[in-house]
Amino acid sequence: MQQSSSPLCLLRLSALGDVTHVVPLVRTLQRANAQQPIHWIIDKAGHKLLEGLPGVHFHTYDKKTGLAGMRALRAELMPLSPFDALLQLQVSLRANVLSGFIPARRRIGYDASRSKELHGLFINERIPAFQGGHVLDAIGRFARPLGVEQTEVSWDLATPQAAIDWAQAQWEDDGRPVLAISPCSSHALRNWHAAGYAALADHANANGWRVVLVGGRSELERQVSDAILAQAQQPILDLVGRDTLKQLPALLARANLLATPDSGPMHIANAVGTKVLGLHAATNPERSGPYSDRRYCVNRYDDAARKFAGKPGHALKWGSKIEHDGVMDLITVDDTLAAFQRYCQDHPGGHR
């Protein structure tokens, strides 16, 4: 990387999983040039999660503010401009338009196969094209136009000690392994049914595990969590809605295994070193599953493609989502118990 002290700007607003995927790119760029200031345009939720990330200056944009917010952001950034480069890490129309308000000499975006919603009109360079790959790998390729190769994937979510202390206080460490269940994605059609989670919780309890239920404050998450609690035959510690986004990484770090659909908590857990029992039918785990280890995922994506798209999963465009009513019903309780047992066999006593 050609050493530069001019600031670099990253644009990635959401979602929580995707902003988590950007952190290894930040680490790569910082290792290559520790002197170059990094600015990140992010949404409020992402900022709550990553605030305090070492060496990063955050600028928040609220989509509710529309064009007025975009103009205000430009005024905020003008004293820093022009940026040495803008890494346009999001292809939604809103993000593309927002990028036009960010002054930068180089405007680096995705390869043509990943472009959509007028992305190509707002950039003047592209990352090298490649087939397939995980979302995090695609983001990592933004280092290449800057003369850097992402050869190491590492995270540091800047979890404060107060959040760690809070997580430690939620249950006594009595030696039992911990299964955390985060049952809801922000995409409702990716969500599995409460009866299945209750069966998994009872199975884990019967095998000597502590089960902890985690989630946000939405009405859906409360309803699903209440249904799990009502159907489970064994006790579950209910922490749904009790943590903040800053406390969530510390909470997930205390678990040995997290069961969840394709969601932000899946990727946050992966970032803090917790194994993930991912439930995939609507999305392809090879593209959007837990990056570091997908051995404990349930993968019914190919079955979903055959049923709802009439072709095998490999025949679909990379990144295709199969978000149809009933798609997650392709995942059986036996699938999930088998994934849990795979983890137990690899980690006797639940140890990492």
Protein backbone atom coordinates (compact mmCIF):
# COMPACT_ATOMS: atom_id res chain seq x y z
CA MET A 1 0.00 0.00 0.00
CA GLN A 2 1.35 3.38 -0.96
CA GLN A 3 1.71 5.20 2.35
CA SER A 4 -0.67 8.13 2.62
CA SER A 5 -1.73 10.41 5.44
CA SER A 6 -4.81 11.57 3.54
CA PRO A 7 -8.00 10.22 5.11
CA LEU A 8 -9.79 7.18 3.79
CA CYS A 9 -13.58 6.87 3.90
CA LEU A 10 -15.69 3.70 4.18
CA LEU A 11 -19.43 3.68 3.51
CA ARG A 12 -21.40 0.81 5.02
CA LEU A 13 -24.61 1.64 6.82
CA SER A 14 -26.18 -1.70 7.72
CA ALA A 15 -27.01 -4.39 8.70
CA LEU A 16 -25.30 -5.49 11.90
CA GLY A 17 -23.87 -8.62 10.32
CA ASP A 18 -22.49 -6.68 7.39
CA VAL A 19 -20.88 -3.94 9.47
CA THR A 20 -19.26 -6.74 11.48
CA HIS A 21 -17.86 -8.10 8.20
CA VAL A 22 -16.20 -4.72 7.53
CA VAL A 23 -14.12 -4.80 10.73
CA PRO A 24 -11.49 -7.25 9.33
CA LEU A 25 -11.02 -4.89 6.35
CA VAL A 26 -10.42 -2.02 8.77
CA ARG A 27 -7.84 -4.13 10.59
CA THR A 28 -6.13 -5.01 7.29
CA LEU A 29 -5.90 -1.37 6.25
CA GLN A 30 -4.60 -0.32 9.66
CA ARG A 31 -1.86 -2.96 9.59
CA ALA A 32 -0.79 -1.72 6.15
CA ASN A 33 -0.78 1.97 7.05
CA ALA A 34 -1.30 2.83 10.67
CA GLN A 35 -0.92 6.55 9.95
CA GLN A 36 -3.83 6.89 7.52
CA PRO A 37 -7.00 8.18 9.21
CA ILE A 38 -10.06 6.02 8.57
CA HIS A 39 -13.55 7.51 8.56
CA TRP A 40 -16.66 5.34 8.41
CA ILE A 41 -20.15 6.43 7.37
CA ILE A 42 -22.48 4.16 9.36
CA ASP A 43 -26.05 3.98 10.65
CA LYS A 44 -27.06 4.46 14.28
CA ALA A 45 -27.37 0.76 15.14
CA GLY A 46 -24.00 -0.08 13.63
CA HIS A 47 -22.45 2.82 15.50
CA LYS A 48 -23.91 1.60 18.81
CA LEU A 49 -22.28 -1.78 18.18
CA LEU A 50 -18.87 -0.52 17.04
CA GLU A 51 -18.43 2.81 18.83
CA GLY A 52 -14.93 3.00 20.22
CA LEU A 53 -13.36 0.85 17.50
CA PRO A 54 -9.69 1.84 17.71
CA GLY A 55 -8.47 4.22 15.04
CA VAL A 56 -11.85 4.80 13.37
CA HIS A 57 -13.77 8.08 13.15
CA PHE A 58 -17.50 7.40 12.78
CA HIS A 59 -20.06 9.61 11.07
CA THR A 60 -23.68 8.50 11.46
CA TYR A 61 -26.39 8.85 8.86
CA ASP A 62 -30.04 8.29 9.68
CA LYS A 63 -31.99 7.14 6.63
CA LYS A 64 -35.07 8.93 7.98
CA THR A 65 -33.35 12.27 7.31
CA GLY A 66 -33.26 11.66 3.54
CA LEU A 67 -31.56 14.21 1.31
CA ALA A 68 -31.37 16.79 4.11
CA GLY A 69 -29.30 14.34 6.13
CA MET A 70 -27.09 13.67 3.12
CA ARG A 71 -26.41 17.38 2.70
CA ALA A 72 -25.67 17.71 6.42
CA LEU A 73 -23.23 14.82 6.18
CA ARG A 74 -21.45 16.46 3.26
CA ALA A 75 -21.06 19.67 5.28
CA GLU A 76 -19.64 17.61 8.16
CA LEU A 77 -17.12 15.94 5.86
CA MET A 78 -16.02 18.99 3.86
CA PRO A 79 -13.17 19.95 6.25
CA LEU A 80 -11.72 16.47 5.66
CA SER A 81 -12.12 16.45 1.90
CA PRO A 82 -11.28 15.26 -0.52
CA PHE A 83 -10.76 11.76 0.83
CA ASP A 84 -7.90 9.79 -0.69
CA ALA A 85 -10.47 7.11 -1.54
CA LEU A 86 -14.06 6.21 -0.81
CA LEU A 87 -14.75 2.50 -0.37
CA GLN A 88 -18.39 2.14 -1.40
CA LEU A 89 -19.22 -1.09 0.44
CA GLN A 90 -22.99 -1.06 -0.05
CA VAL A 91 -25.01 -1.33 -3.25
CA SER A 92 -28.48 -0.23 -2.10
CA LEU A 93 -29.90 2.77 -3.95
CA ARG A 94 -29.90 4.89 -0.78
CA ALA A 95 -26.24 4.12 -0.10
CA ASN A 96 -25.32 4.78 -3.72
CA VAL A 97 -26.99 8.20 -3.67
CA LEU A 98 -25.43 8.99 -0.30
CA SER A 99 -21.99 8.17 -1.71
CA GLY A 100 -22.45 11.01 -4.21
CA PHE A 101 -22.34 13.48 -1.32
CA ILE A 102 -18.93 12.24 -0.16
CA PRO A 103 -16.00 14.06 -1.81
CA ALA A 104 -13.27 11.61 -2.81
CA ARG A 105 -10.65 11.30 -5.56
CA ARG A 106 -11.09 7.56 -5.97
CA ARG A 107 -14.50 5.95 -5.66
CA ILE A 108 -14.05 2.19 -5.35
CA GLY A 109 -17.04 -0.13 -5.67
CA TYR A 110 -17.99 -3.74 -6.32
CA ASP A 111 -17.28 -5.74 -9.46
CA ALA A 112 -19.99 -5.74 -12.11
CA SER A 113 -21.52 -9.04 -11.00
CA ARG A 114 -22.25 -7.61 -7.54
CA SER A 115 -23.43 -4.20 -8.72
CA LYS A 116 -27.08 -3.19 -8.62
CA GLU A 117 -29.33 -0.19 -8.09
CA LEU A 118 -27.13 2.17 -10.20
CA HIS A 119 -23.98 1.33 -8.22
CA GLY A 120 -21.77 1.71 -11.29
CA LEU A 121 -22.80 5.35 -11.77
CA PHE A 122 -21.36 6.39 -8.42
CA ILE A 123 -17.90 4.77 -8.64
CA ASN A 124 -14.83 5.13 -10.87
CA GLU A 125 -13.00 1.92 -9.87
CA ARG A 126 -14.07 -1.64 -9.09
CA ILE A 127 -12.67 -4.43 -6.96
CA PRO A 128 -11.35 -7.43 -8.94
CA ALA A 129 -14.12 -9.72 -10.15
CA PHE A 130 -14.41 -13.21 -8.67
CA GLN A 131 -16.95 -15.97 -8.48
CA GLY A 132 -18.79 -16.98 -5.34
CA GLY A 133 -17.18 -16.33 -2.00
CA HIS A 134 -18.41 -15.24 1.38
CA VAL A 135 -19.68 -11.69 1.88
CA LEU A 136 -16.68 -10.99 4.12
CA ASP A 137 -14.27 -12.07 1.37
CA ALA A 138 -15.93 -9.69 -1.09
CA ILE A 139 -15.54 -6.85 1.39
CA GLY A 140 -11.91 -7.83 1.99
CA ARG A 141 -11.16 -7.38 -1.71
CA PHE A 142 -11.64 -3.62 -1.32
CA ALA A 143 -8.08 -3.56 0.02
CA ARG A 144 -6.66 -4.66 -3.33
CA PRO A 145 -7.09 -1.39 -5.27
CA LEU A 146 -5.16 0.22 -2.41
CA GLY A 147 -2.26 -2.17 -2.91
CA VAL A 148 -3.07 -4.38 0.08
CA GLU A 149 -4.01 -8.05 0.32
CA GLN A 150 -6.29 -9.22 3.13
CA THR A 151 -4.45 -12.35 4.23
CA GLU A 152 -5.63 -12.32 7.84
CA VAL A 153 -9.16 -12.01 9.17
CA SER A 154 -9.35 -10.61 12.68
CA TRP A 155 -11.88 -8.69 14.73
CA ASP A 156 -11.90 -6.45 17.76
CA LEU A 157 -15.37 -5.13 18.44
CA ALA A 158 -14.16 -2.73 21.13
CA THR A 159 -16.31 -4.28 23.84
CA PRO A 160 -15.91 -2.11 26.96
CA GLN A 161 -15.12 -3.63 30.33
CA ALA A 162 -18.47 -2.46 31.70
CA ALA A 163 -20.25 -4.58 29.09
CA ILE A 164 -18.08 -7.58 29.94
CA ASP A 165 -18.85 -7.11 33.63
CA TRP A 166 -22.58 -6.92 32.89
CA ALA A 167 -22.46 -10.14 30.88
CA GLN A 168 -20.54 -11.90 33.63
CA ALA A 169 -23.25 -10.95 36.13
CA GLN A 170 -26.12 -12.53 34.16
CA TRP A 171 -25.47 -16.12 35.29
CA GLU A 172 -23.09 -17.97 37.52
CA ASP A 173 -20.29 -19.85 35.80
CA ASP A 174 -20.95 -23.30 37.26
CA GLY A 175 -18.97 -25.26 34.67
CA ARG A 176 -21.92 -26.11 32.46
CA PRO A 177 -21.56 -25.31 28.74
CA VAL A 178 -23.93 -22.64 27.51
CA LEU A 179 -26.25 -22.74 24.51
CA ALA A 180 -27.51 -19.29 23.54
CA ILE A 181 -30.56 -19.05 21.31
CA SER A 182 -31.19 -15.88 19.30
CA PRO A 183 -34.33 -16.91 17.43
CA CYS A 184 -35.07 -13.96 15.19
CA SER A 185 -33.60 -12.35 12.11
CA SER A 186 -34.73 -8.92 10.95
CA HIS A 187 -35.93 -10.82 7.85
CA ALA A 188 -39.01 -12.61 9.19
CA LEU A 189 -38.98 -15.28 6.46
CA ARG A 190 -35.57 -16.50 7.69
CA ASN A 191 -37.00 -17.35 11.11
CA TRP A 192 -37.53 -20.90 12.33
CA HIS A 193 -40.44 -21.98 14.52
CA ALA A 194 -40.64 -21.72 18.30
CA ALA A 195 -41.41 -25.42 18.77
CA GLY A 196 -38.10 -26.35 17.16
CA TYR A 197 -36.10 -24.03 19.39
CA ALA A 198 -37.92 -25.38 22.44
CA ALA A 199 -37.01 -28.96 21.43
CA LEU A 200 -33.37 -27.95 20.95
CA ALA A 201 -33.35 -26.21 24.34
CA ASP A 202 -34.78 -29.29 26.07
CA HIS A 203 -32.22 -31.52 24.34
CA ALA A 204 -29.36 -29.27 25.44
CA ASN A 205 -30.72 -29.12 28.99
CA ALA A 206 -30.96 -32.92 29.09
CA ASN A 207 -27.28 -33.06 28.10
CA GLY A 208 -26.22 -30.85 31.00
CA TRP A 209 -26.17 -27.50 29.23
CA ARG A 210 -27.42 -24.14 30.42
CA VAL A 211 -29.75 -22.50 27.87
CA VAL A 212 -29.96 -18.73 27.51
CA LEU A 213 -32.45 -16.89 25.31
CA VAL A 214 -31.21 -13.59 23.81
CA GLY A 215 -32.71 -11.04 21.47
CA GLY A 216 -33.75 -7.46 20.94
CA ARG A 217 -36.72 -5.40 22.01
CA SER A 218 -39.03 -5.83 19.02
CA GLU A 219 -42.55 -7.15 19.46
CA LEU A 220 -41.77 -10.11 17.19
CA GLU A 221 -38.76 -11.15 19.24
CA ARG A 222 -40.78 -10.98 22.44
CA GLN A 223 -43.60 -13.05 20.93
CA VAL A 224 -41.29 -15.74 19.56
CA SER A 225 -39.31 -15.89 22.79
CA ASP A 226 -42.48 -16.22 24.86
CA ALA A 227 -43.60 -19.08 22.62
CA ILE A 228 -40.27 -20.87 23.12
CA LEU A 229 -40.48 -20.43 26.88
CA ALA A 230 -44.05 -21.72 26.93
CA GLN A 231 -43.21 -24.87 24.97
CA ALA A 232 -39.89 -25.77 26.59
CA GLN A 233 -40.09 -28.37 29.34
CA GLN A 234 -36.84 -27.33 31.03
CA PRO A 235 -35.75 -23.93 32.41
CA ILE A 236 -34.33 -21.28 30.08
CA LEU A 237 -32.71 -18.06 31.23
CA ASP A 238 -34.63 -15.27 29.47
CA LEU A 239 -32.42 -12.27 28.64
CA VAL A 240 -34.41 -11.10 25.61
CA GLY A 241 -34.51 -7.31 25.43
CA ARG A 242 -32.25 -6.84 28.43
CA ASP A 243 -28.91 -6.11 26.75
CA THR A 244 -27.68 -3.21 24.67
CA LEU A 245 -25.87 -3.59 21.35
CA LYS A 246 -22.64 -2.83 23.19
CA GLN A 247 -23.35 -5.61 25.70
CA LEU A 248 -24.41 -8.17 23.08
CA PRO A 249 -20.87 -9.20 21.99
CA ALA A 250 -19.91 -9.76 25.63
CA LEU A 251 -23.05 -11.81 26.21
CA LEU A 252 -22.47 -13.98 23.13
CA ALA A 253 -18.82 -14.45 24.08
CA ARG A 254 -19.97 -16.24 27.24
CA ALA A 255 -21.82 -18.87 25.20
CA ASN A 256 -20.17 -22.00 23.82
CA LEU A 257 -22.66 -22.26 20.98
CA LEU A 258 -25.27 -19.92 19.49
CA ALA A 259 -28.33 -21.23 17.64
CA THR A 260 -29.77 -18.63 15.27
CA PRO A 261 -30.99 -18.04 11.73
CA ASP A 262 -28.99 -15.84 9.34
CA SER A 263 -28.86 -12.72 11.50
CA GLY A 264 -26.65 -10.06 13.02
CA PRO A 265 -26.04 -12.07 16.21
CA MET A 266 -24.73 -14.95 14.06
CA HIS A 267 -21.89 -12.79 12.77
CA ILE A 268 -21.25 -11.01 16.05
CA ALA A 269 -20.92 -14.38 17.78
CA ASN A 270 -18.50 -15.54 15.10
CA ALA A 271 -16.46 -12.36 15.58
CA VAL A 272 -16.05 -13.00 19.32
CA GLY A 273 -15.08 -16.64 18.83
CA THR A 274 -18.35 -18.38 19.69
CA LYS A 275 -19.36 -21.30 17.47
CA VAL A 276 -22.65 -20.99 15.61
CA LEU A 277 -25.41 -23.49 14.92
CA GLY A 278 -26.77 -21.57 11.95
CA LEU A 279 -30.18 -22.36 10.48
CA HIS A 280 -30.06 -21.90 6.71
CA ALA A 281 -32.74 -22.54 4.13
CA ALA A 282 -33.61 -19.04 2.94
CA THR A 283 -29.93 -18.12 2.52
CA ASN A 284 -26.75 -19.92 1.48
CA PRO A 285 -24.37 -20.48 4.42
CA GLU A 286 -21.40 -20.55 2.05
CA ARG A 287 -22.13 -16.91 1.25
CA SER A 288 -23.60 -15.58 4.48
CA GLY A 289 -23.07 -18.14 7.22
CA PRO A 290 -20.67 -17.79 10.17
CA TYR A 291 -17.39 -16.97 8.45
CA SER A 292 -14.89 -18.83 10.59
CA ASP A 293 -16.63 -22.18 11.01
CA ARG A 294 -19.74 -23.52 9.30
CA ARG A 295 -19.46 -27.13 10.49
CA TYR A 296 -22.42 -26.77 12.83
CA CYS A 297 -24.81 -25.12 10.39
CA VAL A 298 -27.97 -26.76 9.12
CA ASN A 299 -27.97 -26.27 5.35
CA ARG A 300 -31.27 -26.75 3.52
CA TYR A 301 -30.55 -24.10 0.91
CA ASP A 302 -30.37 -26.58 -1.95
CA ASP A 303 -33.67 -28.16 -0.90
CA ALA A 304 -35.22 -24.69 -0.80
CA ALA A 305 -33.90 -23.85 -4.27
CA ARG A 306 -35.33 -27.04 -5.72
CA LYS A 307 -38.72 -26.54 -4.07
CA PHE A 308 -39.22 -22.80 -4.60
CA ALA A 309 -37.05 -22.03 -7.64
CA GLY A 310 -37.23 -25.35 -9.47
CA LYS A 311 -33.46 -25.74 -9.75
CA PRO A 312 -30.53 -26.77 -7.55
CA GLY A 313 -28.88 -24.18 -5.36
CA HIS A 314 -25.69 -24.08 -7.45
CA ALA A 315 -27.76 -23.06 -10.49
CA LEU A 316 -29.04 -19.90 -8.81
CA LYS A 317 -27.25 -16.59 -9.09
CA TRP A 318 -24.73 -16.32 -6.29
CA GLY A 319 -26.30 -14.50 -3.37
CA SER A 320 -29.89 -15.40 -4.27
CA LYS A 321 -32.20 -15.46 -1.26
CA ILE A 322 -35.14 -17.84 -1.09
CA GLU A 323 -37.35 -15.92 1.30
CA HIS A 324 -40.71 -17.66 0.82
CA ASP A 325 -43.43 -18.58 3.27
CA GLY A 326 -42.61 -22.00 4.72
CA VAL A 327 -39.01 -22.15 3.50
CA MET A 328 -37.61 -22.54 7.02
CA ASP A 329 -39.96 -25.46 7.64
CA LEU A 330 -37.54 -27.47 5.50
CA ILE A 331 -35.30 -27.51 8.57
CA THR A 332 -36.34 -30.33 10.90
CA VAL A 333 -35.80 -30.70 14.62
CA ASP A 334 -33.63 -33.73 13.83
CA ASP A 335 -31.43 -31.55 11.60
CA THR A 336 -30.83 -29.17 14.46
CA LEU A 337 -30.23 -31.84 17.08
CA ALA A 338 -27.73 -33.50 14.74
CA ALA A 339 -25.86 -30.20 14.37
CA PHE A 340 -25.82 -29.81 18.15
CA GLN A 341 -24.44 -33.31 18.53
CA ARG A 342 -21.70 -32.58 15.97
CA TYR A 343 -20.58 -29.74 18.19
CA CYS A 344 -20.70 -31.95 21.29
CA GLN A 345 -18.61 -34.63 19.60
CA ASP A 346 -15.99 -32.09 18.55
CA HIS A 347 -16.01 -30.31 21.93
CA PRO A 348 -16.44 -32.87 24.76
CA GLY A 349 -17.95 -31.20 27.80
CA GLY A 350 -18.82 -28.20 25.67
CA HIS A 351 -15.28 -26.81 25.74
CA ARG A 352 -14.28 -24.53 22.89
